[in-house]
Every structure is written in structure tokens, then in C-alpha cells.
Amino acid sequence: MIKIKEISEEEKITLENMKKNHPGYMPRMRAHAVLLSESGFELQELSEIFGVCRQTTATWLKAWSKGGVSALLDKPRSGRPRKVTAEDHQAST
């Protein structure tokens, strides 16, 4: 079973900031999952909280264990850049 055992105070601060302030939804969710795992939540509970399969949650926690904060960020993807910016989207809502 995958579980985050102990996070340094500095890492907790970084994860909390990421959870609250990162512009991307997925990195915020991954950071939150790591924090909850460290506080005692089980893999299945995390999967239910975030509405993802157990394997996805396990992948997030493994990424954290291997690569820290940078492993929780989205990787660059191929394809055409977006035409609509986040500011354009917010202005329309």
C-alpha cells in the first residue's frame, strides 16, 4: 500500500501554497492528495475524495515519493496551443 509517511515542514508549506495558489487544477489536486495521505487518509479514501480511480491516486503518491513537488506538475504536451487564454475564459463567465 502506498502512503506518504512524513513530510518536512518546508515541504508542507510548499504543498499548501501549491494547493491554494497554483493556476492548474490538477497540480492543486495532487498536492492536496499528498497532504491528506500524510495526515492518514488511505488510498481508497483519497480516490473517492478526488473522484479518480485508485491507480491514479497511487500514481500521484508514487510521483511525489520519487520526485517531490516538481513531479506533481503537469508535463508539457504536444499539440496546438490554446487559442483562448484563462483571462478570456474568466471574462466570459
PDB file of N, CA and C in Angstrom:
ATOM      1  N   MET A   1       0.844  -1.175   0.000  1.00  0.00           N
ATOM      2  CA  MET A   1       0.000   0.000   0.000  1.00  0.00           C
ATOM      3  C   MET A   1       0.889   1.238   0.000  1.00  0.00           C
ATOM      4  N   ILE A   2       0.467   2.233  -0.745  1.00  0.00           N
ATOM      5  CA  ILE A   2       1.217   3.472  -0.865  1.00  0.00           C
ATOM      6  C   ILE A   2       0.668   4.480   0.126  1.00  0.00           C
ATOM      7  N   LYS A   3       1.567   5.062   0.884  1.00  0.00           N
ATOM      8  CA  LYS A   3       1.160   6.056   1.872  1.00  0.00           C
ATOM      9  C   LYS A   3       2.339   6.987   2.120  1.00  0.00           C
ATOM     10  N   ILE A   4       2.061   8.268   2.172  1.00  0.00           N
ATOM     11  CA  ILE A   4       3.099   9.239   2.463  1.00  0.00           C
ATOM     12  C   ILE A   4       3.280   9.249   3.975  1.00  0.00           C
ATOM     13  N   LYS A   5       4.493   8.970   4.431  1.00  0.00           N
ATOM     14  CA  LYS A   5       4.714   8.819   5.862  1.00  0.00           C
ATOM     15  C   LYS A   5       5.034  10.137   6.568  1.00  0.00           C
ATOM     16  N   GLU A   6       6.001  10.860   6.076  1.00  0.00           N
ATOM     17  CA  GLU A   6       6.393  12.081   6.768  1.00  0.00           C
ATOM     18  C   GLU A   6       6.863  13.121   5.765  1.00  0.00           C
ATOM     19  N   ILE A   7       6.377  14.337   5.941  1.00  0.00           N
ATOM     20  CA  ILE A   7       6.736  15.455   5.073  1.00  0.00           C
ATOM     21  C   ILE A   7       7.364  16.524   5.957  1.00  0.00           C
ATOM     22  N   SER A   8       8.454  17.098   5.483  1.00  0.00           N
ATOM     23  CA  SER A   8       9.106  18.152   6.260  1.00  0.00           C
ATOM     24  C   SER A   8       8.206  19.386   6.330  1.00  0.00           C
ATOM     25  N   GLU A   9       8.483  20.237   7.281  1.00  0.00           N
ATOM     26  CA  GLU A   9       7.678  21.459   7.449  1.00  0.00           C
ATOM     27  C   GLU A   9       7.771  22.342   6.200  1.00  0.00           C
ATOM     28  N   GLU A  10       8.943  22.414   5.636  1.00  0.00           N
ATOM     29  CA  GLU A  10       9.136  23.206   4.408  1.00  0.00           C
ATOM     30  C   GLU A  10       8.309  22.635   3.250  1.00  0.00           C
ATOM     31  N   GLU A  11       8.303  21.304   3.122  1.00  0.00           N
ATOM     32  CA  GLU A  11       7.504  20.658   2.067  1.00  0.00           C
ATOM     33  C   GLU A  11       6.017  20.892   2.295  1.00  0.00           C
ATOM     34  N   LYS A  12       5.582  20.834   3.547  1.00  0.00           N
ATOM     35  CA  LYS A  12       4.166  21.102   3.846  1.00  0.00           C
ATOM     36  C   LYS A  12       3.764  22.507   3.412  1.00  0.00           C
ATOM     37  N   ILE A  13       4.614  23.473   3.700  1.00  0.00           N
ATOM     38  CA  ILE A  13       4.329  24.853   3.319  1.00  0.00           C
ATOM     39  C   ILE A  13       4.241  24.973   1.793  1.00  0.00           C
ATOM     40  N   THR A  14       5.191  24.341   1.114  1.00  0.00           N
ATOM     41  CA  THR A  14       5.198  24.376  -0.346  1.00  0.00           C
ATOM     42  C   THR A  14       3.936  23.717  -0.912  1.00  0.00           C
ATOM     43  N   LEU A  15       3.566  22.564  -0.358  1.00  0.00           N
ATOM     44  CA  LEU A  15       2.366  21.864  -0.829  1.00  0.00           C
ATOM     45  C   LEU A  15       1.101  22.666  -0.539  1.00  0.00           C
ATOM     46  N   GLU A  16       1.031  23.290   0.627  1.00  0.00           N
ATOM     47  CA  GLU A  16      -0.133  24.123   0.956  1.00  0.00           C
ATOM     48  C   GLU A  16      -0.251  25.296  -0.018  1.00  0.00           C
ATOM     49  N   ASN A  17       0.873  25.937  -0.305  1.00  0.00           N
ATOM     50  CA  ASN A  17       0.868  27.035  -1.269  1.00  0.00           C
ATOM     51  C   ASN A  17       0.456  26.555  -2.655  1.00  0.00           C
ATOM     52  N   MET A  18       0.949  25.403  -3.034  1.00  0.00           N
ATOM     53  CA  MET A  18       0.594  24.834  -4.337  1.00  0.00           C
ATOM     54  C   MET A  18      -0.901  24.518  -4.382  1.00  0.00           C
ATOM     55  N   LYS A  19      -1.400  23.946  -3.301  1.00  0.00           N
ATOM     56  CA  LYS A  19      -2.824  23.584  -3.224  1.00  0.00           C
ATOM     57  C   LYS A  19      -3.720  24.814  -3.351  1.00  0.00           C
ATOM     58  N   LYS A  20      -3.293  25.916  -2.780  1.00  0.00           N
ATOM     59  CA  LYS A  20      -4.117  27.126  -2.764  1.00  0.00           C
ATOM     60  C   LYS A  20      -3.903  28.032  -3.969  1.00  0.00           C
ATOM     61  N   ASN A  21      -2.683  28.075  -4.495  1.00  0.00           N
ATOM     62  CA  ASN A  21      -2.344  29.131  -5.447  1.00  0.00           C
ATOM     63  C   ASN A  21      -1.929  28.699  -6.840  1.00  0.00           C
ATOM     64  N   HIS A  22      -1.689  27.424  -7.065  1.00  0.00           N
ATOM     65  CA  HIS A  22      -1.227  27.014  -8.394  1.00  0.00           C
ATOM     66  C   HIS A  22      -2.329  27.258  -9.419  1.00  0.00           C
ATOM     67  N   PRO A  23      -1.977  27.787 -10.607  1.00  0.00           N
ATOM     68  CA  PRO A  23      -3.009  28.077 -11.607  1.00  0.00           C
ATOM     69  C   PRO A  23      -3.676  26.827 -12.197  1.00  0.00           C
ATOM     70  N   GLY A  24      -3.003  25.688 -12.137  1.00  0.00           N
ATOM     71  CA  GLY A  24      -3.563  24.459 -12.696  1.00  0.00           C
ATOM     72  C   GLY A  24      -4.360  23.663 -11.667  1.00  0.00           C
ATOM     73  N   TYR A  25      -5.503  23.160 -12.098  1.00  0.00           N
ATOM     74  CA  TYR A  25      -6.378  22.383 -11.219  1.00  0.00           C
ATOM     75  C   TYR A  25      -5.719  21.071 -10.781  1.00  0.00           C
ATOM     76  N   MET A  26      -5.128  20.353 -11.724  1.00  0.00           N
ATOM     77  CA  MET A  26      -4.565  19.036 -11.404  1.00  0.00           C
ATOM     78  C   MET A  26      -3.388  19.118 -10.428  1.00  0.00           C
ATOM     79  N   PRO A  27      -2.434  20.018 -10.615  1.00  0.00           N
ATOM     80  CA  PRO A  27      -1.362  20.106  -9.609  1.00  0.00           C
ATOM     81  C   PRO A  27      -1.896  20.459  -8.221  1.00  0.00           C
ATOM     82  N   ARG A  28      -2.940  21.294  -8.147  1.00  0.00           N
ATOM     83  CA  ARG A  28      -3.542  21.613  -6.843  1.00  0.00           C
ATOM     84  C   ARG A  28      -4.123  20.349  -6.216  1.00  0.00           C
ATOM     85  N   MET A  29      -4.800  19.548  -7.023  1.00  0.00           N
ATOM     86  CA  MET A  29      -5.413  18.331  -6.518  1.00  0.00           C
ATOM     87  C   MET A  29      -4.349  17.329  -6.049  1.00  0.00           C
ATOM     88  N   ARG A  30      -3.284  17.187  -6.824  1.00  0.00           N
ATOM     89  CA  ARG A  30      -2.206  16.258  -6.446  1.00  0.00           C
ATOM     90  C   ARG A  30      -1.547  16.682  -5.137  1.00  0.00           C
ATOM     91  N   ALA A  31      -1.296  17.974  -4.990  1.00  0.00           N
ATOM     92  CA  ALA A  31      -0.686  18.470  -3.753  1.00  0.00           C
ATOM     93  C   ALA A  31      -1.595  18.194  -2.561  1.00  0.00           C
ATOM     94  N   HIS A  32      -2.882  18.407  -2.741  1.00  0.00           N
ATOM     95  CA  HIS A  32      -3.850  18.158  -1.673  1.00  0.00           C
ATOM     96  C   HIS A  32      -3.858  16.670  -1.302  1.00  0.00           C
ATOM     97  N   ALA A  33      -3.795  15.808  -2.309  1.00  0.00           N
ATOM     98  CA  ALA A  33      -3.783  14.360  -2.056  1.00  0.00           C
ATOM     99  C   ALA A  33      -2.562  13.950  -1.228  1.00  0.00           C
ATOM    100  N   VAL A  34      -1.409  14.523  -1.548  1.00  0.00           N
ATOM    101  CA  VAL A  34      -0.191  14.200  -0.791  1.00  0.00           C
ATOM    102  C   VAL A  34      -0.350  14.633   0.665  1.00  0.00           C
ATOM    103  N   LEU A  35      -0.869  15.837   0.862  1.00  0.00           N
ATOM    104  CA  LEU A  35      -1.072  16.324   2.234  1.00  0.00           C
ATOM    105  C   LEU A  35      -2.050  15.438   3.008  1.00  0.00           C
ATOM    106  N   LEU A  36      -3.132  15.035   2.367  1.00  0.00           N
ATOM    107  CA  LEU A  36      -4.109  14.180   3.047  1.00  0.00           C
ATOM    108  C   LEU A  36      -3.532  12.795   3.340  1.00  0.00           C
ATOM    109  N   SER A  37      -2.738  12.271   2.417  1.00  0.00           N
ATOM    110  CA  SER A  37      -2.120  10.965   2.639  1.00  0.00           C
ATOM    111  C   SER A  37      -1.198  11.013   3.852  1.00  0.00           C
ATOM    112  N   GLU A  38      -0.426  12.081   3.950  1.00  0.00           N
ATOM    113  CA  GLU A  38       0.490  12.223   5.078  1.00  0.00           C
ATOM    114  C   GLU A  38      -0.264  12.336   6.399  1.00  0.00           C
ATOM    115  N   SER A  39      -1.480  12.887   6.339  1.00  0.00           N
ATOM    116  CA  SER A  39      -2.254  13.035   7.575  1.00  0.00           C
ATOM    117  C   SER A  39      -3.072  11.788   7.925  1.00  0.00           C
ATOM    118  N   GLY A  40      -2.951  10.721   7.112  1.00  0.00           N
ATOM    119  CA  GLY A  40      -3.551   9.455   7.494  1.00  0.00           C
ATOM    120  C   GLY A  40      -4.632   8.896   6.586  1.00  0.00           C
ATOM    121  N   PHE A  41      -5.006   9.608   5.536  1.00  0.00           N
ATOM    122  CA  PHE A  41      -6.029   9.099   4.639  1.00  0.00           C
ATOM    123  C   PHE A  41      -5.486   7.935   3.817  1.00  0.00           C
ATOM    124  N   GLU A  42      -6.311   6.923   3.628  1.00  0.00           N
ATOM    125  CA  GLU A  42      -5.946   5.744   2.847  1.00  0.00           C
ATOM    126  C   GLU A  42      -6.141   6.020   1.358  1.00  0.00           C
ATOM    127  N   LEU A  43      -5.520   5.184   0.529  1.00  0.00           N
ATOM    128  CA  LEU A  43      -5.578   5.334  -0.917  1.00  0.00           C
ATOM    129  C   LEU A  43      -7.018   5.331  -1.436  1.00  0.00           C
ATOM    130  N   GLN A  44      -7.830   4.415  -0.963  1.00  0.00           N
ATOM    131  CA  GLN A  44      -9.225   4.331  -1.421  1.00  0.00           C
ATOM    132  C   GLN A  44     -10.005   5.583  -1.024  1.00  0.00           C
ATOM    133  N   GLU A  45      -9.773   6.088   0.165  1.00  0.00           N
ATOM    134  CA  GLU A  45     -10.450   7.316   0.611  1.00  0.00           C
ATOM    135  C   GLU A  45     -10.071   8.492  -0.283  1.00  0.00           C
ATOM    136  N   LEU A  46      -8.784   8.605  -0.602  1.00  0.00           N
ATOM    137  CA  LEU A  46      -8.322   9.684  -1.468  1.00  0.00           C
ATOM    138  C   LEU A  46      -8.959   9.583  -2.852  1.00  0.00           C
ATOM    139  N   SER A  47      -9.064   8.369  -3.358  1.00  0.00           N
ATOM    140  CA  SER A  47      -9.688   8.152  -4.666  1.00  0.00           C
ATOM    141  C   SER A  47     -11.129   8.633  -4.670  1.00  0.00           C
ATOM    142  N   GLU A  48     -11.836   8.353  -3.611  1.00  0.00           N
ATOM    143  CA  GLU A  48     -13.233   8.787  -3.504  1.00  0.00           C
ATOM    144  C   GLU A  48     -13.336  10.304  -3.347  1.00  0.00           C
ATOM    145  N   ILE A  49     -12.460  10.894  -2.556  1.00  0.00           N
ATOM    146  CA  ILE A  49     -12.476  12.346  -2.347  1.00  0.00           C
ATOM    147  C   ILE A  49     -12.263  13.081  -3.658  1.00  0.00           C
ATOM    148  N   PHE A  50     -11.297  12.629  -4.449  1.00  0.00           N
ATOM    149  CA  PHE A  50     -10.935  13.343  -5.672  1.00  0.00           C
ATOM    150  C   PHE A  50     -11.662  12.826  -6.914  1.00  0.00           C
ATOM    151  N   GLY A  51     -12.449  11.790  -6.771  1.00  0.00           N
ATOM    152  CA  GLY A  51     -13.229  11.286  -7.899  1.00  0.00           C
ATOM    153  C   GLY A  51     -12.385  10.683  -9.010  1.00  0.00           C
ATOM    154  N   VAL A  52     -11.301  10.024  -8.625  1.00  0.00           N
ATOM    155  CA  VAL A  52     -10.425   9.366  -9.595  1.00  0.00           C
ATOM    156  C   VAL A  52     -10.245   7.912  -9.170  1.00  0.00           C
ATOM    157  N   CYS A  53      -9.722   7.100 -10.090  1.00  0.00           N
ATOM    158  CA  CYS A  53      -9.520   5.695  -9.742  1.00  0.00           C
ATOM    159  C   CYS A  53      -8.337   5.552  -8.788  1.00  0.00           C
ATOM    160  N   ARG A  54      -8.291   4.436  -8.137  1.00  0.00           N
ATOM    161  CA  ARG A  54      -7.258   4.154  -7.141  1.00  0.00           C
ATOM    162  C   ARG A  54      -5.862   4.220  -7.758  1.00  0.00           C
ATOM    163  N   GLN A  55      -5.734   3.727  -8.998  1.00  0.00           N
ATOM    164  CA  GLN A  55      -4.441   3.720  -9.686  1.00  0.00           C
ATOM    165  C   GLN A  55      -3.930   5.145  -9.922  1.00  0.00           C
ATOM    166  N   THR A  56      -4.835   6.059 -10.254  1.00  0.00           N
ATOM    167  CA  THR A  56      -4.434   7.455 -10.466  1.00  0.00           C
ATOM    168  C   THR A  56      -3.887   8.049  -9.181  1.00  0.00           C
ATOM    169  N   THR A  57      -4.582   7.817  -8.084  1.00  0.00           N
ATOM    170  CA  THR A  57      -4.126   8.322  -6.794  1.00  0.00           C
ATOM    171  C   THR A  57      -2.771   7.718  -6.430  1.00  0.00           C
ATOM    172  N   ALA A  58      -2.605   6.430  -6.675  1.00  0.00           N
ATOM    173  CA  ALA A  58      -1.329   5.765  -6.399  1.00  0.00           C
ATOM    174  C   ALA A  58      -0.212   6.379  -7.239  1.00  0.00           C
ATOM    175  N   THR A  59      -0.510   6.713  -8.490  1.00  0.00           N
ATOM    176  CA  THR A  59       0.481   7.332  -9.366  1.00  0.00           C
ATOM    177  C   THR A  59       0.928   8.680  -8.816  1.00  0.00           C
ATOM    178  N   TRP A  60      -0.017   9.487  -8.306  1.00  0.00           N
ATOM    179  CA  TRP A  60       0.321  10.786  -7.715  1.00  0.00           C
ATOM    180  C   TRP A  60       1.264  10.613  -6.534  1.00  0.00           C
ATOM    181  N   LEU A  61       0.934   9.672  -5.655  1.00  0.00           N
ATOM    182  CA  LEU A  61       1.742   9.484  -4.449  1.00  0.00           C
ATOM    183  C   LEU A  61       3.122   8.916  -4.776  1.00  0.00           C
ATOM    184  N   LYS A  62       3.193   8.019  -5.762  1.00  0.00           N
ATOM    185  CA  LYS A  62       4.491   7.494  -6.191  1.00  0.00           C
ATOM    186  C   LYS A  62       5.338   8.605  -6.798  1.00  0.00           C
ATOM    187  N   ALA A  63       4.697   9.463  -7.593  1.00  0.00           N
ATOM    188  CA  ALA A  63       5.420  10.582  -8.207  1.00  0.00           C
ATOM    189  C   ALA A  63       6.011  11.481  -7.132  1.00  0.00           C
ATOM    190  N   TRP A  64       5.217  11.767  -6.110  1.00  0.00           N
ATOM    191  CA  TRP A  64       5.713  12.599  -5.001  1.00  0.00           C
ATOM    192  C   TRP A  64       6.913  11.927  -4.332  1.00  0.00           C
ATOM    193  N   SER A  65       6.797  10.639  -4.055  1.00  0.00           N
ATOM    194  CA  SER A  65       7.871   9.914  -3.373  1.00  0.00           C
ATOM    195  C   SER A  65       9.168   9.936  -4.174  1.00  0.00           C
ATOM    196  N   LYS A  66       9.052   9.867  -5.496  1.00  0.00           N
ATOM    197  CA  LYS A  66      10.241   9.821  -6.340  1.00  0.00           C
ATOM    198  C   LYS A  66      10.781  11.201  -6.696  1.00  0.00           C
ATOM    199  N   GLY A  67       9.877  12.187  -6.906  1.00  0.00           N
ATOM    200  CA  GLY A  67      10.342  13.448  -7.457  1.00  0.00           C
ATOM    201  C   GLY A  67       9.960  14.708  -6.719  1.00  0.00           C
ATOM    202  N   GLY A  68       9.241  14.574  -5.612  1.00  0.00           N
ATOM    203  CA  GLY A  68       8.859  15.752  -4.853  1.00  0.00           C
ATOM    204  C   GLY A  68       7.863  16.640  -5.577  1.00  0.00           C
ATOM    205  N   VAL A  69       7.887  17.916  -5.270  1.00  0.00           N
ATOM    206  CA  VAL A  69       6.906  18.869  -5.785  1.00  0.00           C
ATOM    207  C   VAL A  69       6.900  18.917  -7.307  1.00  0.00           C
ATOM    208  N   SER A  70       8.066  18.923  -7.920  1.00  0.00           N
ATOM    209  CA  SER A  70       8.127  19.040  -9.377  1.00  0.00           C
ATOM    210  C   SER A  70       7.439  17.868 -10.074  1.00  0.00           C
ATOM    211  N   ALA A  71       7.380  16.714  -9.434  1.00  0.00           N
ATOM    212  CA  ALA A  71       6.721  15.548 -10.026  1.00  0.00           C
ATOM    213  C   ALA A  71       5.198  15.680 -10.017  1.00  0.00           C
ATOM    214  N   LEU A  72       4.670  16.629  -9.251  1.00  0.00           N
ATOM    215  CA  LEU A  72       3.216  16.829  -9.198  1.00  0.00           C
ATOM    216  C   LEU A  72       2.725  17.776 -10.288  1.00  0.00           C
ATOM    217  N   LEU A  73       3.646  18.428 -10.976  1.00  0.00           N
ATOM    218  CA  LEU A  73       3.276  19.379 -12.020  1.00  0.00           C
ATOM    219  C   LEU A  73       2.930  18.649 -13.317  1.00  0.00           C
ATOM    220  N   ASP A  74       2.118  19.294 -14.155  1.00  0.00           N
ATOM    221  CA  ASP A  74       1.782  18.724 -15.458  1.00  0.00           C
ATOM    222  C   ASP A  74       2.999  18.773 -16.367  1.00  0.00           C
ATOM    223  N   LYS A  75       3.196  17.732 -17.139  1.00  0.00           N
ATOM    224  CA  LYS A  75       4.276  17.689 -18.118  1.00  0.00           C
ATOM    225  C   LYS A  75       3.813  18.408 -19.382  1.00  0.00           C
ATOM    226  N   PRO A  76       4.751  18.992 -20.138  1.00  0.00           N
ATOM    227  CA  PRO A  76       4.365  19.617 -21.407  1.00  0.00           C
ATOM    228  C   PRO A  76       3.749  18.573 -22.339  1.00  0.00           C
ATOM    229  N   ARG A  77       2.771  19.008 -23.108  1.00  0.00           N
ATOM    230  CA  ARG A  77       2.097  18.095 -24.033  1.00  0.00           C
ATOM    231  C   ARG A  77       2.243  18.605 -25.455  1.00  0.00           C
ATOM    232  N   SER A  78       2.194  17.682 -26.369  1.00  0.00           N
ATOM    233  CA  SER A  78       2.258  18.082 -27.763  1.00  0.00           C
ATOM    234  C   SER A  78       0.882  18.558 -28.208  1.00  0.00           C
ATOM    235  N   GLY A  79       0.854  19.232 -29.312  1.00  0.00           N
ATOM    236  CA  GLY A  79      -0.423  19.686 -29.839  1.00  0.00           C
ATOM    237  C   GLY A  79      -0.458  21.185 -29.996  1.00  0.00           C
ATOM    238  N   ARG A  80      -1.526  21.626 -30.576  1.00  0.00           N
ATOM    239  CA  ARG A  80      -1.706  23.044 -30.857  1.00  0.00           C
ATOM    240  C   ARG A  80      -1.926  23.821 -29.557  1.00  0.00           C
ATOM    241  N   PRO A  81      -1.284  24.991 -29.445  1.00  0.00           N
ATOM    242  CA  PRO A  81      -1.519  25.816 -28.251  1.00  0.00           C
ATOM    243  C   PRO A  81      -2.970  26.288 -28.183  1.00  0.00           C
ATOM    244  N   ARG A  82      -3.430  26.590 -26.993  1.00  0.00           N
ATOM    245  CA  ARG A  82      -4.790  27.071 -26.810  1.00  0.00           C
ATOM    246  C   ARG A  82      -4.972  28.434 -27.460  1.00  0.00           C
ATOM    247  N   LYS A  83      -6.159  28.654 -28.002  1.00  0.00           N
ATOM    248  CA  LYS A  83      -6.493  29.957 -28.562  1.00  0.00           C
ATOM    249  C   LYS A  83      -7.099  30.859 -27.494  1.00  0.00           C
ATOM    250  N   VAL A  84      -7.828  30.263 -26.572  1.00  0.00           N
ATOM    251  CA  VAL A  84      -8.481  31.016 -25.511  1.00  0.00           C
ATOM    252  C   VAL A  84      -7.592  30.974 -24.277  1.00  0.00           C
ATOM    253  N   THR A  85      -7.287  32.123 -23.738  1.00  0.00           N
ATOM    254  CA  THR A  85      -6.466  32.180 -22.534  1.00  0.00           C
ATOM    255  C   THR A  85      -7.355  32.065 -21.301  1.00  0.00           C
ATOM    256  N   ALA A  86      -6.754  31.848 -20.160  1.00  0.00           N
ATOM    257  CA  ALA A  86      -7.515  31.765 -18.908  1.00  0.00           C
ATOM    258  C   ALA A  86      -8.226  33.084 -18.637  1.00  0.00           C
ATOM    259  N   GLU A  87      -7.580  34.199 -18.976  1.00  0.00           N
ATOM    260  CA  GLU A  87      -8.209  35.522 -18.767  1.00  0.00           C
ATOM    261  C   GLU A  87      -9.443  35.680 -19.642  1.00  0.00           C
ATOM    262  N   ASP A  88      -9.361  35.213 -20.900  1.00  0.00           N
ATOM    263  CA  ASP A  88     -10.513  35.284 -21.797  1.00  0.00           C
ATOM    264  C   ASP A  88     -11.669  34.461 -21.242  1.00  0.00           C
ATOM    265  N   HIS A  89     -11.349  33.288 -20.716  1.00  0.00           N
ATOM    266  CA  HIS A  89     -12.382  32.414 -20.159  1.00  0.00           C
ATOM    267  C   HIS A  89     -13.052  33.041 -18.939  1.00  0.00           C
ATOM    268  N   GLN A  90     -12.252  33.622 -18.059  1.00  0.00           N
ATOM    269  CA  GLN A  90     -12.808  34.252 -16.850  1.00  0.00           C
ATOM    270  C   GLN A  90     -13.652  35.459 -17.198  1.00  0.00           C
ATOM    271  N   ALA A  91     -13.265  36.197 -18.215  1.00  0.00           N
ATOM    272  CA  ALA A  91     -14.019  37.382 -18.621  1.00  0.00           C
ATOM    273  C   ALA A  91     -15.382  37.009 -19.188  1.00  0.00           C
ATOM    274  N   SER A  92     -15.492  35.809 -19.768  1.00  0.00           N
ATOM    275  CA  SER A  92     -16.769  35.398 -20.360  1.00  0.00           C
ATOM    276  C   SER A  92     -17.733  34.809 -19.339  1.00  0.00           C
ATOM    277  N   THR A  93     -17.258  34.506 -18.144  1.00  0.00           N
ATOM    278  CA  THR A  93     -18.151  33.913 -17.130  1.00  0.00           C
ATOM    279  C   THR A  93     -18.641  34.929 -16.154  1.00  0.00           C
TER     280      THR A  93
END
